[in-house]
Amino acid sequence: MSSNKLNYNSYIITILLETENNLSENEKANSIPGLGFGIQGEKPSRLIVISGGVADRMGLKNDDELLAIDGKTLRGLDHLNIVTKLAQKCANKKEMLVTIKAKFI
């Protein structure tokens, strides 16, 4: 009996992202300003990576799970609280550590 299921492995990484101020209209409309990604869902929140943005250039992928910002877990936070935390960090800092659970086939 053959299975068509893909086997996914994952790993947890922390990446230093430098925020950008020169954003395209696409990035302004679809992402956390300066990071090059948006998020969808909650518990876990998954990344929506903007092509050519900071997150894309650093190797983040769509559907990577966002786990922590600057070493502080996002566990238990709802979507709005996570977006608020990201926006506040971007407004006050030029860089932040983002911990994700990345998947690969």
PDB file of N, CA and C in Angstrom:
ATOM      1  N   MET A   1       0.837  -1.171   0.000  1.00  0.00           N
ATOM      2  CA  MET A   1       0.000   0.000   0.000  1.00  0.00           C
ATOM      3  C   MET A   1       0.887   1.241   0.000  1.00  0.00           C
ATOM      4  N   SER A   2       0.685   2.089  -0.954  1.00  0.00           N
ATOM      5  CA  SER A   2       1.516   3.276  -1.128  1.00  0.00           C
ATOM      6  C   SER A   2       0.869   4.483  -0.469  1.00  0.00           C
ATOM      7  N   SER A   3       1.679   5.347   0.103  1.00  0.00           N
ATOM      8  CA  SER A   3       1.181   6.558   0.750  1.00  0.00           C
ATOM      9  C   SER A   3       1.652   7.776  -0.033  1.00  0.00           C
ATOM     10  N   ASN A   4       0.739   8.711  -0.259  1.00  0.00           N
ATOM     11  CA  ASN A   4       1.096   9.940  -0.952  1.00  0.00           C
ATOM     12  C   ASN A   4       1.412  11.071   0.013  1.00  0.00           C
ATOM     13  N   LYS A   5       1.495  10.780   1.299  1.00  0.00           N
ATOM     14  CA  LYS A   5       1.782  11.816   2.282  1.00  0.00           C
ATOM     15  C   LYS A   5       3.239  12.255   2.183  1.00  0.00           C
ATOM     16  N   LEU A   6       3.444  13.557   2.349  1.00  0.00           N
ATOM     17  CA  LEU A   6       4.803  14.076   2.406  1.00  0.00           C
ATOM     18  C   LEU A   6       5.290  13.977   3.843  1.00  0.00           C
ATOM     19  N   ASN A   7       6.534  13.676   4.014  1.00  0.00           N
ATOM     20  CA  ASN A   7       7.121  13.655   5.343  1.00  0.00           C
ATOM     21  C   ASN A   7       7.805  14.990   5.594  1.00  0.00           C
ATOM     22  N   TYR A   8       7.335  15.704   6.597  1.00  0.00           N
ATOM     23  CA  TYR A   8       7.907  16.994   6.933  1.00  0.00           C
ATOM     24  C   TYR A   8       8.794  16.860   8.156  1.00  0.00           C
ATOM     25  N   ASN A   9       9.941  17.463   8.094  1.00  0.00           N
ATOM     26  CA  ASN A   9      10.816  17.606   9.237  1.00  0.00           C
ATOM     27  C   ASN A   9      10.836  19.084   9.567  1.00  0.00           C
ATOM     28  N   SER A  10      11.219  19.417  10.773  1.00  0.00           N
ATOM     29  CA  SER A  10      11.282  20.825  11.133  1.00  0.00           C
ATOM     30  C   SER A  10      12.481  21.074  12.030  1.00  0.00           C
ATOM     31  N   TYR A  11      12.837  22.316  12.125  1.00  0.00           N
ATOM     32  CA  TYR A  11      13.923  22.724  13.004  1.00  0.00           C
ATOM     33  C   TYR A  11      13.606  24.120  13.518  1.00  0.00           C
ATOM     34  N   ILE A  12      14.142  24.452  14.681  1.00  0.00           N
ATOM     35  CA  ILE A  12      13.904  25.756  15.288  1.00  0.00           C
ATOM     36  C   ILE A  12      15.161  26.590  15.117  1.00  0.00           C
ATOM     37  N   ILE A  13      14.972  27.800  14.589  1.00  0.00           N
ATOM     38  CA  ILE A  13      16.097  28.704  14.389  1.00  0.00           C
ATOM     39  C   ILE A  13      15.734  30.101  14.872  1.00  0.00           C
ATOM     40  N   THR A  14      16.748  30.848  15.247  1.00  0.00           N
ATOM     41  CA  THR A  14      16.582  32.253  15.603  1.00  0.00           C
ATOM     42  C   THR A  14      17.405  33.068  14.619  1.00  0.00           C
ATOM     43  N   ILE A  15      16.764  34.078  14.036  1.00  0.00           N
ATOM     44  CA  ILE A  15      17.393  34.903  13.003  1.00  0.00           C
ATOM     45  C   ILE A  15      17.326  36.364  13.424  1.00  0.00           C
ATOM     46  N   LEU A  16      18.409  37.089  13.202  1.00  0.00           N
ATOM     47  CA  LEU A  16      18.425  38.526  13.438  1.00  0.00           C
ATOM     48  C   LEU A  16      17.907  39.212  12.179  1.00  0.00           C
ATOM     49  N   LEU A  17      16.769  39.891  12.299  1.00  0.00           N
ATOM     50  CA  LEU A  17      16.201  40.629  11.169  1.00  0.00           C
ATOM     51  C   LEU A  17      16.429  42.112  11.387  1.00  0.00           C
ATOM     52  N   GLU A  18      16.966  42.787  10.381  1.00  0.00           N
ATOM     53  CA  GLU A  18      17.105  44.234  10.428  1.00  0.00           C
ATOM     54  C   GLU A  18      15.890  44.831   9.736  1.00  0.00           C
ATOM     55  N   THR A  19      15.217  45.749  10.415  1.00  0.00           N
ATOM     56  CA  THR A  19      14.018  46.342   9.835  1.00  0.00           C
ATOM     57  C   THR A  19      14.399  47.312   8.721  1.00  0.00           C
ATOM     58  N   GLU A  20      13.495  47.454   7.766  1.00  0.00           N
ATOM     59  CA  GLU A  20      13.713  48.343   6.624  1.00  0.00           C
ATOM     60  C   GLU A  20      12.706  49.475   6.653  1.00  0.00           C
ATOM     61  N   ASN A  21      13.142  50.641   6.211  1.00  0.00           N
ATOM     62  CA  ASN A  21      12.231  51.778   6.108  1.00  0.00           C
ATOM     63  C   ASN A  21      11.768  52.010   4.682  1.00  0.00           C
ATOM     64  N   ASN A  22      12.546  51.586   3.694  1.00  0.00           N
ATOM     65  CA  ASN A  22      12.191  51.787   2.286  1.00  0.00           C
ATOM     66  C   ASN A  22      11.332  50.622   1.814  1.00  0.00           C
ATOM     67  N   LEU A  23      10.040  50.719   2.036  1.00  0.00           N
ATOM     68  CA  LEU A  23       9.142  49.617   1.712  1.00  0.00           C
ATOM     69  C   LEU A  23       8.379  49.873   0.424  1.00  0.00           C
ATOM     70  N   SER A  24       8.161  48.801  -0.320  1.00  0.00           N
ATOM     71  CA  SER A  24       7.320  48.893  -1.507  1.00  0.00           C
ATOM     72  C   SER A  24       5.863  48.980  -1.060  1.00  0.00           C
ATOM     73  N   GLU A  25       4.997  49.380  -1.955  1.00  0.00           N
ATOM     74  CA  GLU A  25       3.568  49.446  -1.628  1.00  0.00           C
ATOM     75  C   GLU A  25       3.042  48.066  -1.244  1.00  0.00           C
ATOM     76  N   ASN A  26       3.535  47.016  -1.907  1.00  0.00           N
ATOM     77  CA  ASN A  26       3.124  45.647  -1.599  1.00  0.00           C
ATOM     78  C   ASN A  26       3.491  45.284  -0.160  1.00  0.00           C
ATOM     79  N   GLU A  27       4.709  45.634   0.268  1.00  0.00           N
ATOM     80  CA  GLU A  27       5.130  45.333   1.634  1.00  0.00           C
ATOM     81  C   GLU A  27       4.319  46.124   2.651  1.00  0.00           C
ATOM     82  N   LYS A  28       4.050  47.403   2.369  1.00  0.00           N
ATOM     83  CA  LYS A  28       3.270  48.223   3.299  1.00  0.00           C
ATOM     84  C   LYS A  28       1.877  47.646   3.494  1.00  0.00           C
ATOM     85  N   ALA A  29       1.295  47.148   2.429  1.00  0.00           N
ATOM     86  CA  ALA A  29      -0.082  46.655   2.485  1.00  0.00           C
ATOM     87  C   ALA A  29      -0.191  45.256   3.073  1.00  0.00           C
ATOM     88  N   ASN A  30       0.860  44.447   2.949  1.00  0.00           N
ATOM     89  CA  ASN A  30       0.727  43.027   3.264  1.00  0.00           C
ATOM     90  C   ASN A  30       1.645  42.490   4.348  1.00  0.00           C
ATOM     91  N   SER A  31       2.354  43.356   5.055  1.00  0.00           N
ATOM     92  CA  SER A  31       3.293  42.819   6.034  1.00  0.00           C
ATOM     93  C   SER A  31       3.428  43.722   7.247  1.00  0.00           C
ATOM     94  N   ILE A  32       4.100  43.184   8.263  1.00  0.00           N
ATOM     95  CA  ILE A  32       4.484  43.997   9.400  1.00  0.00           C
ATOM     96  C   ILE A  32       5.530  44.965   8.860  1.00  0.00           C
ATOM     97  N   PRO A  33       5.316  46.275   8.972  1.00  0.00           N
ATOM     98  CA  PRO A  33       6.242  47.226   8.359  1.00  0.00           C
ATOM     99  C   PRO A  33       7.696  46.968   8.747  1.00  0.00           C
ATOM    100  N   GLY A  34       8.533  46.810   7.728  1.00  0.00           N
ATOM    101  CA  GLY A  34       9.956  46.684   7.939  1.00  0.00           C
ATOM    102  C   GLY A  34      10.502  45.280   8.053  1.00  0.00           C
ATOM    103  N   LEU A  35       9.650  44.265   8.228  1.00  0.00           N
ATOM    104  CA  LEU A  35      10.142  42.904   8.410  1.00  0.00           C
ATOM    105  C   LEU A  35       9.990  42.021   7.178  1.00  0.00           C
ATOM    106  N   GLY A  36       9.098  42.391   6.289  1.00  0.00           N
ATOM    107  CA  GLY A  36       8.926  41.597   5.075  1.00  0.00           C
ATOM    108  C   GLY A  36       8.091  40.348   5.266  1.00  0.00           C
ATOM    109  N   PHE A  37       7.292  40.313   6.324  1.00  0.00           N
ATOM    110  CA  PHE A  37       6.348  39.205   6.481  1.00  0.00           C
ATOM    111  C   PHE A  37       5.113  39.671   7.228  1.00  0.00           C
ATOM    112  N   GLY A  38       4.026  38.973   6.975  1.00  0.00           N
ATOM    113  CA  GLY A  38       2.809  39.126   7.741  1.00  0.00           C
ATOM    114  C   GLY A  38       2.586  37.819   8.475  1.00  0.00           C
ATOM    115  N   ILE A  39       1.554  37.776   9.296  1.00  0.00           N
ATOM    116  CA  ILE A  39       1.235  36.519   9.962  1.00  0.00           C
ATOM    117  C   ILE A  39      -0.230  36.192   9.749  1.00  0.00           C
ATOM    118  N   GLN A  40      -0.512  34.900   9.795  1.00  0.00           N
ATOM    119  CA  GLN A  40      -1.894  34.435   9.693  1.00  0.00           C
ATOM    120  C   GLN A  40      -2.124  33.402  10.779  1.00  0.00           C
ATOM    121  N   GLY A  41      -3.341  33.352  11.247  1.00  0.00           N
ATOM    122  CA  GLY A  41      -3.700  32.367  12.256  1.00  0.00           C
ATOM    123  C   GLY A  41      -3.100  32.687  13.610  1.00  0.00           C
ATOM    124  N   GLU A  42      -3.349  31.793  14.528  1.00  0.00           N
ATOM    125  CA  GLU A  42      -2.782  31.925  15.867  1.00  0.00           C
ATOM    126  C   GLU A  42      -2.665  30.544  16.482  1.00  0.00           C
ATOM    127  N   LYS A  43      -1.730  30.437  17.370  1.00  0.00           N
ATOM    128  CA  LYS A  43      -1.506  29.205  18.127  1.00  0.00           C
ATOM    129  C   LYS A  43      -1.355  27.986  17.243  1.00  0.00           C
ATOM    130  N   PRO A  44      -0.455  27.916  16.309  1.00  0.00           N
ATOM    131  CA  PRO A  44       0.650  28.846  16.058  1.00  0.00           C
ATOM    132  C   PRO A  44       0.325  29.867  14.971  1.00  0.00           C
ATOM    133  N   SER A  45       1.038  30.987  15.017  1.00  0.00           N
ATOM    134  CA  SER A  45       0.961  31.974  13.939  1.00  0.00           C
ATOM    135  C   SER A  45       1.947  31.573  12.859  1.00  0.00           C
ATOM    136  N   ARG A  46       1.501  31.632  11.629  1.00  0.00           N
ATOM    137  CA  ARG A  46       2.349  31.235  10.500  1.00  0.00           C
ATOM    138  C   ARG A  46       2.710  32.468   9.674  1.00  0.00           C
ATOM    139  N   LEU A  47       3.908  32.436   9.116  1.00  0.00           N
ATOM    140  CA  LEU A  47       4.402  33.563   8.338  1.00  0.00           C
ATOM    141  C   LEU A  47       3.831  33.568   6.928  1.00  0.00           C
ATOM    142  N   ILE A  48       3.594  34.770   6.433  1.00  0.00           N
ATOM    143  CA  ILE A  48       3.314  35.026   5.023  1.00  0.00           C
ATOM    144  C   ILE A  48       4.470  35.915   4.573  1.00  0.00           C
ATOM    145  N   VAL A  49       5.410  35.352   3.852  1.00  0.00           N
ATOM    146  CA  VAL A  49       6.648  36.048   3.498  1.00  0.00           C
ATOM    147  C   VAL A  49       6.467  36.818   2.192  1.00  0.00           C
ATOM    148  N   ILE A  50       6.862  38.094   2.215  1.00  0.00           N
ATOM    149  CA  ILE A  50       6.779  38.951   1.037  1.00  0.00           C
ATOM    150  C   ILE A  50       8.031  38.744   0.186  1.00  0.00           C
ATOM    151  N   SER A  51       7.836  38.384  -1.057  1.00  0.00           N
ATOM    152  CA  SER A  51       8.950  38.128  -1.975  1.00  0.00           C
ATOM    153  C   SER A  51       9.865  39.350  -2.065  1.00  0.00           C
ATOM    154  N   GLY A  52      11.154  39.129  -1.853  1.00  0.00           N
ATOM    155  CA  GLY A  52      12.137  40.205  -1.944  1.00  0.00           C
ATOM    156  C   GLY A  52      12.311  41.009  -0.674  1.00  0.00           C
ATOM    157  N   GLY A  53      11.480  40.784   0.328  1.00  0.00           N
ATOM    158  CA  GLY A  53      11.572  41.520   1.593  1.00  0.00           C
ATOM    159  C   GLY A  53      12.666  40.969   2.495  1.00  0.00           C
ATOM    160  N   VAL A  54      12.838  41.592   3.650  1.00  0.00           N
ATOM    161  CA  VAL A  54      13.875  41.191   4.603  1.00  0.00           C
ATOM    162  C   VAL A  54      13.757  39.713   4.956  1.00  0.00           C
ATOM    163  N   ALA A  55      12.575  39.270   5.331  1.00  0.00           N
ATOM    164  CA  ALA A  55      12.384  37.874   5.750  1.00  0.00           C
ATOM    165  C   ALA A  55      12.735  36.905   4.620  1.00  0.00           C
ATOM    166  N   ASP A  56      12.326  37.236   3.412  1.00  0.00           N
ATOM    167  CA  ASP A  56      12.631  36.395   2.249  1.00  0.00           C
ATOM    168  C   ASP A  56      14.139  36.311   2.033  1.00  0.00           C
ATOM    169  N   ARG A  57      14.808  37.444   2.106  1.00  0.00           N
ATOM    170  CA  ARG A  57      16.263  37.461   1.902  1.00  0.00           C
ATOM    171  C   ARG A  57      17.004  36.693   2.994  1.00  0.00           C
ATOM    172  N   MET A  58      16.410  36.575   4.170  1.00  0.00           N
ATOM    173  CA  MET A  58      17.034  35.836   5.272  1.00  0.00           C
ATOM    174  C   MET A  58      16.658  34.355   5.260  1.00  0.00           C
ATOM    175  N   GLY A  59      15.835  33.949   4.287  1.00  0.00           N
ATOM    176  CA  GLY A  59      15.526  32.529   4.128  1.00  0.00           C
ATOM    177  C   GLY A  59      14.261  32.048   4.808  1.00  0.00           C
ATOM    178  N   LEU A  60      13.472  32.961   5.376  1.00  0.00           N
ATOM    179  CA  LEU A  60      12.206  32.535   5.967  1.00  0.00           C
ATOM    180  C   LEU A  60      11.238  32.166   4.854  1.00  0.00           C
ATOM    181  N   LYS A  61      10.324  31.267   5.156  1.00  0.00           N
ATOM    182  CA  LYS A  61       9.398  30.741   4.155  1.00  0.00           C
ATOM    183  C   LYS A  61       7.955  30.873   4.634  1.00  0.00           C
ATOM    184  N   ASN A  62       7.039  30.899   3.667  1.00  0.00           N
ATOM    185  CA  ASN A  62       5.618  30.862   4.008  1.00  0.00           C
ATOM    186  C   ASN A  62       5.346  29.641   4.875  1.00  0.00           C
ATOM    187  N   ASP A  63       4.496  29.796   5.836  1.00  0.00           N
ATOM    188  CA  ASP A  63       4.055  28.743   6.757  1.00  0.00           C
ATOM    189  C   ASP A  63       5.063  28.374   7.838  1.00  0.00           C
ATOM    190  N   ASP A  64       6.244  29.036   7.895  1.00  0.00           N
ATOM    191  CA  ASP A  64       7.091  28.860   9.070  1.00  0.00           C
ATOM    192  C   ASP A  64       6.288  29.355  10.273  1.00  0.00           C
ATOM    193  N   GLU A  65       6.454  28.716  11.419  1.00  0.00           N
ATOM    194  CA  GLU A  65       5.713  29.097  12.625  1.00  0.00           C
ATOM    195  C   GLU A  65       6.515  30.111  13.432  1.00  0.00           C
ATOM    196  N   LEU A  66       5.884  31.220  13.806  1.00  0.00           N
ATOM    197  CA  LEU A  66       6.521  32.246  14.624  1.00  0.00           C
ATOM    198  C   LEU A  66       6.400  31.844  16.089  1.00  0.00           C
ATOM    199  N   LEU A  67       7.541  31.643  16.760  1.00  0.00           N
ATOM    200  CA  LEU A  67       7.551  31.156  18.142  1.00  0.00           C
ATOM    201  C   LEU A  67       7.890  32.224  19.167  1.00  0.00           C
ATOM    202  N   ALA A  68       8.829  33.131  18.834  1.00  0.00           N
ATOM    203  CA  ALA A  68       9.286  34.115  19.818  1.00  0.00           C
ATOM    204  C   ALA A  68       9.845  35.345  19.123  1.00  0.00           C
ATOM    205  N   ILE A  69       9.801  36.471  19.840  1.00  0.00           N
ATOM    206  CA  ILE A  69      10.386  37.723  19.388  1.00  0.00           C
ATOM    207  C   ILE A  69      11.353  38.175  20.472  1.00  0.00           C
ATOM    208  N   ASP A  70      12.594  38.419  20.091  1.00  0.00           N
ATOM    209  CA  ASP A  70      13.639  38.828  21.037  1.00  0.00           C
ATOM    210  C   ASP A  70      13.688  37.924  22.266  1.00  0.00           C
ATOM    211  N   GLY A  71      13.520  36.634  22.034  1.00  0.00           N
ATOM    212  CA  GLY A  71      13.627  35.655  23.109  1.00  0.00           C
ATOM    213  C   GLY A  71      12.392  35.502  23.977  1.00  0.00           C
ATOM    214  N   LYS A  72      11.341  36.264  23.691  1.00  0.00           N
ATOM    215  CA  LYS A  72      10.106  36.177  24.480  1.00  0.00           C
ATOM    216  C   LYS A  72       9.072  35.362  23.715  1.00  0.00           C
ATOM    217  N   THR A  73       8.611  34.301  24.341  1.00  0.00           N
ATOM    218  CA  THR A  73       7.670  33.397  23.685  1.00  0.00           C
ATOM    219  C   THR A  73       6.356  34.092  23.329  1.00  0.00           C
ATOM    220  N   LEU A  74       5.752  33.622  22.263  1.00  0.00           N
ATOM    221  CA  LEU A  74       4.441  34.116  21.839  1.00  0.00           C
ATOM    222  C   LEU A  74       3.350  33.109  22.188  1.00  0.00           C
ATOM    223  N   ARG A  75       3.735  32.062  22.882  1.00  0.00           N
ATOM    224  CA  ARG A  75       2.795  31.000  23.252  1.00  0.00           C
ATOM    225  C   ARG A  75       1.602  31.589  24.011  1.00  0.00           C
ATOM    226  N   GLY A  76       0.416  31.237  23.569  1.00  0.00           N
ATOM    227  CA  GLY A  76      -0.804  31.666  24.243  1.00  0.00           C
ATOM    228  C   GLY A  76      -1.336  33.018  23.811  1.00  0.00           C
ATOM    229  N   LEU A  77      -0.558  33.780  23.028  1.00  0.00           N
ATOM    230  CA  LEU A  77      -1.029  35.091  22.582  1.00  0.00           C
ATOM    231  C   LEU A  77      -1.903  34.946  21.346  1.00  0.00           C
ATOM    232  N   ASP A  78      -2.924  35.798  21.265  1.00  0.00           N
ATOM    233  CA  ASP A  78      -3.775  35.761  20.080  1.00  0.00           C
ATOM    234  C   ASP A  78      -3.143  36.599  18.958  1.00  0.00           C
ATOM    235  N   HIS A  79      -3.744  36.513  17.794  1.00  0.00           N
ATOM    236  CA  HIS A  79      -3.228  37.162  16.586  1.00  0.00           C
ATOM    237  C   HIS A  79      -2.994  38.662  16.799  1.00  0.00           C
ATOM    238  N   LEU A  80      -3.974  39.366  17.338  1.00  0.00           N
ATOM    239  CA  LEU A  80      -3.869  40.814  17.521  1.00  0.00           C
ATOM    240  C   LEU A  80      -2.714  41.175  18.447  1.00  0.00           C
ATOM    241  N   ASN A  81      -2.538  40.439  19.533  1.00  0.00           N
ATOM    242  CA  ASN A  81      -1.433  40.725  20.454  1.00  0.00           C
ATOM    243  C   ASN A  81      -0.076  40.511  19.791  1.00  0.00           C
ATOM    244  N   ILE A  82       0.031  39.493  18.962  1.00  0.00           N
ATOM    245  CA  ILE A  82       1.298  39.230  18.269  1.00  0.00           C
ATOM    246  C   ILE A  82       1.602  40.343  17.267  1.00  0.00           C
ATOM    247  N   VAL A  83       0.605  40.742  16.486  1.00  0.00           N
ATOM    248  CA  VAL A  83       0.798  41.824  15.519  1.00  0.00           C
ATOM    249  C   VAL A  83       1.186  43.111  16.244  1.00  0.00           C
ATOM    250  N   THR A  84       0.532  43.393  17.365  1.00  0.00           N
ATOM    251  CA  THR A  84       0.842  44.590  18.151  1.00  0.00           C
ATOM    252  C   THR A  84       2.282  44.556  18.653  1.00  0.00           C
ATOM    253  N   LYS A  85       2.712  43.418  19.185  1.00  0.00           N
ATOM    254  CA  LYS A  85       4.097  43.284  19.669  1.00  0.00           C
ATOM    255  C   LYS A  85       5.098  43.518  18.539  1.00  0.00           C
ATOM    256  N   LEU A  86       4.851  42.914  17.391  1.00  0.00           N
ATOM    257  CA  LEU A  86       5.753  43.090  16.251  1.00  0.00           C
ATOM    258  C   LEU A  86       5.816  44.553  15.812  1.00  0.00           C
ATOM    259  N   ALA A  87       4.666  45.200  15.715  1.00  0.00           N
ATOM    260  CA  ALA A  87       4.622  46.598  15.282  1.00  0.00           C
ATOM    261  C   ALA A  87       5.349  47.498  16.280  1.00  0.00           C
ATOM    262  N   GLN A  88       5.166  47.260  17.576  1.00  0.00           N
ATOM    263  CA  GLN A  88       5.853  48.056  18.597  1.00  0.00           C
ATOM    264  C   GLN A  88       7.363  47.870  18.517  1.00  0.00           C
ATOM    265  N   LYS A  89       7.798  46.638  18.342  1.00  0.00           N
ATOM    266  CA  LYS A  89       9.236  46.366  18.234  1.00  0.00           C
ATOM    267  C   LYS A  89       9.819  47.076  17.017  1.00  0.00           C
ATOM    268  N   CYS A  90       9.107  47.029  15.888  1.00  0.00           N
ATOM    269  CA  CYS A  90       9.601  47.664  14.666  1.00  0.00           C
ATOM    270  C   CYS A  90       9.680  49.176  14.814  1.00  0.00           C
ATOM    271  N   ALA A  91       8.762  49.750  15.562  1.00  0.00           N
ATOM    272  CA  ALA A  91       8.749  51.198  15.741  1.00  0.00           C
ATOM    273  C   ALA A  91       9.914  51.661  16.613  1.00  0.00           C
ATOM    274  N   ASN A  92      10.376  50.798  17.516  1.00  0.00           N
ATOM    275  CA  ASN A  92      11.384  51.195  18.494  1.00  0.00           C
ATOM    276  C   ASN A  92      12.784  50.654  18.232  1.00  0.00           C
ATOM    277  N   LYS A  93      12.922  49.702  17.323  1.00  0.00           N
ATOM    278  CA  LYS A  93      14.215  49.056  17.115  1.00  0.00           C
ATOM    279  C   LYS A  93      14.548  48.940  15.639  1.00  0.00           C
ATOM    280  N   LYS A  94      15.818  48.834  15.349  1.00  0.00           N
ATOM    281  CA  LYS A  94      16.251  48.636  13.964  1.00  0.00           C
ATOM    282  C   LYS A  94      16.477  47.164  13.651  1.00  0.00           C
ATOM    283  N   GLU A  95      16.485  46.326  14.693  1.00  0.00           N
ATOM    284  CA  GLU A  95      16.659  44.895  14.477  1.00  0.00           C
ATOM    285  C   GLU A  95      15.984  44.119  15.598  1.00  0.00           C
ATOM    286  N   MET A  96      15.640  42.879  15.304  1.00  0.00           N
ATOM    287  CA  MET A  96      15.051  42.014  16.322  1.00  0.00           C
ATOM    288  C   MET A  96      15.375  40.564  16.012  1.00  0.00           C
ATOM    289  N   LEU A  97      15.376  39.765  17.068  1.00  0.00           N
ATOM    290  CA  LEU A  97      15.567  38.328  16.919  1.00  0.00           C
ATOM    291  C   LEU A  97      14.204  37.679  16.755  1.00  0.00           C
ATOM    292  N   VAL A  98      14.058  36.865  15.741  1.00  0.00           N
ATOM    293  CA  VAL A  98      12.809  36.160  15.476  1.00  0.00           C
ATOM    294  C   VAL A  98      13.104  34.664  15.530  1.00  0.00           C
ATOM    295  N   THR A  99      12.379  33.947  16.387  1.00  0.00           N
ATOM    296  CA  THR A  99      12.547  32.500  16.488  1.00  0.00           C
ATOM    297  C   THR A  99      11.384  31.836  15.778  1.00  0.00           C
ATOM    298  N   ILE A 100      11.711  30.933  14.865  1.00  0.00           N
ATOM    299  CA  ILE A 100      10.683  30.256  14.080  1.00  0.00           C
ATOM    300  C   ILE A 100      10.906  28.753  14.096  1.00  0.00           C
ATOM    301  N   LYS A 101       9.838  28.057  13.808  1.00  0.00           N
ATOM    302  CA  LYS A 101       9.913  26.622  13.542  1.00  0.00           C
ATOM    303  C   LYS A 101       9.778  26.493  12.037  1.00  0.00           C
ATOM    304  N   ALA A 102      10.880  26.176  11.389  1.00  0.00           N
ATOM    305  CA  ALA A 102      10.918  26.085   9.929  1.00  0.00           C
ATOM    306  C   ALA A 102      10.678  24.650   9.505  1.00  0.00           C
ATOM    307  N   LYS A 103       9.984  24.485   8.408  1.00  0.00           N
ATOM    308  CA  LYS A 103       9.687  23.149   7.893  1.00  0.00           C
ATOM    309  C   LYS A 103      10.401  22.926   6.577  1.00  0.00           C
ATOM    310  N   PHE A 104      10.787  21.710   6.354  1.00  0.00           N
ATOM    311  CA  PHE A 104      11.352  21.329   5.066  1.00  0.00           C
ATOM    312  C   PHE A 104      10.929  19.909   4.761  1.00  0.00           C
ATOM    313  N   ILE A 105      10.899  19.582   3.477  1.00  0.00           N
ATOM    314  CA  ILE A 105      10.463  18.246   3.053  1.00  0.00           C
ATOM    315  C   ILE A 105      11.679  17.372   2.883  1.00  0.00           C
TER     316      ILE A 105
END
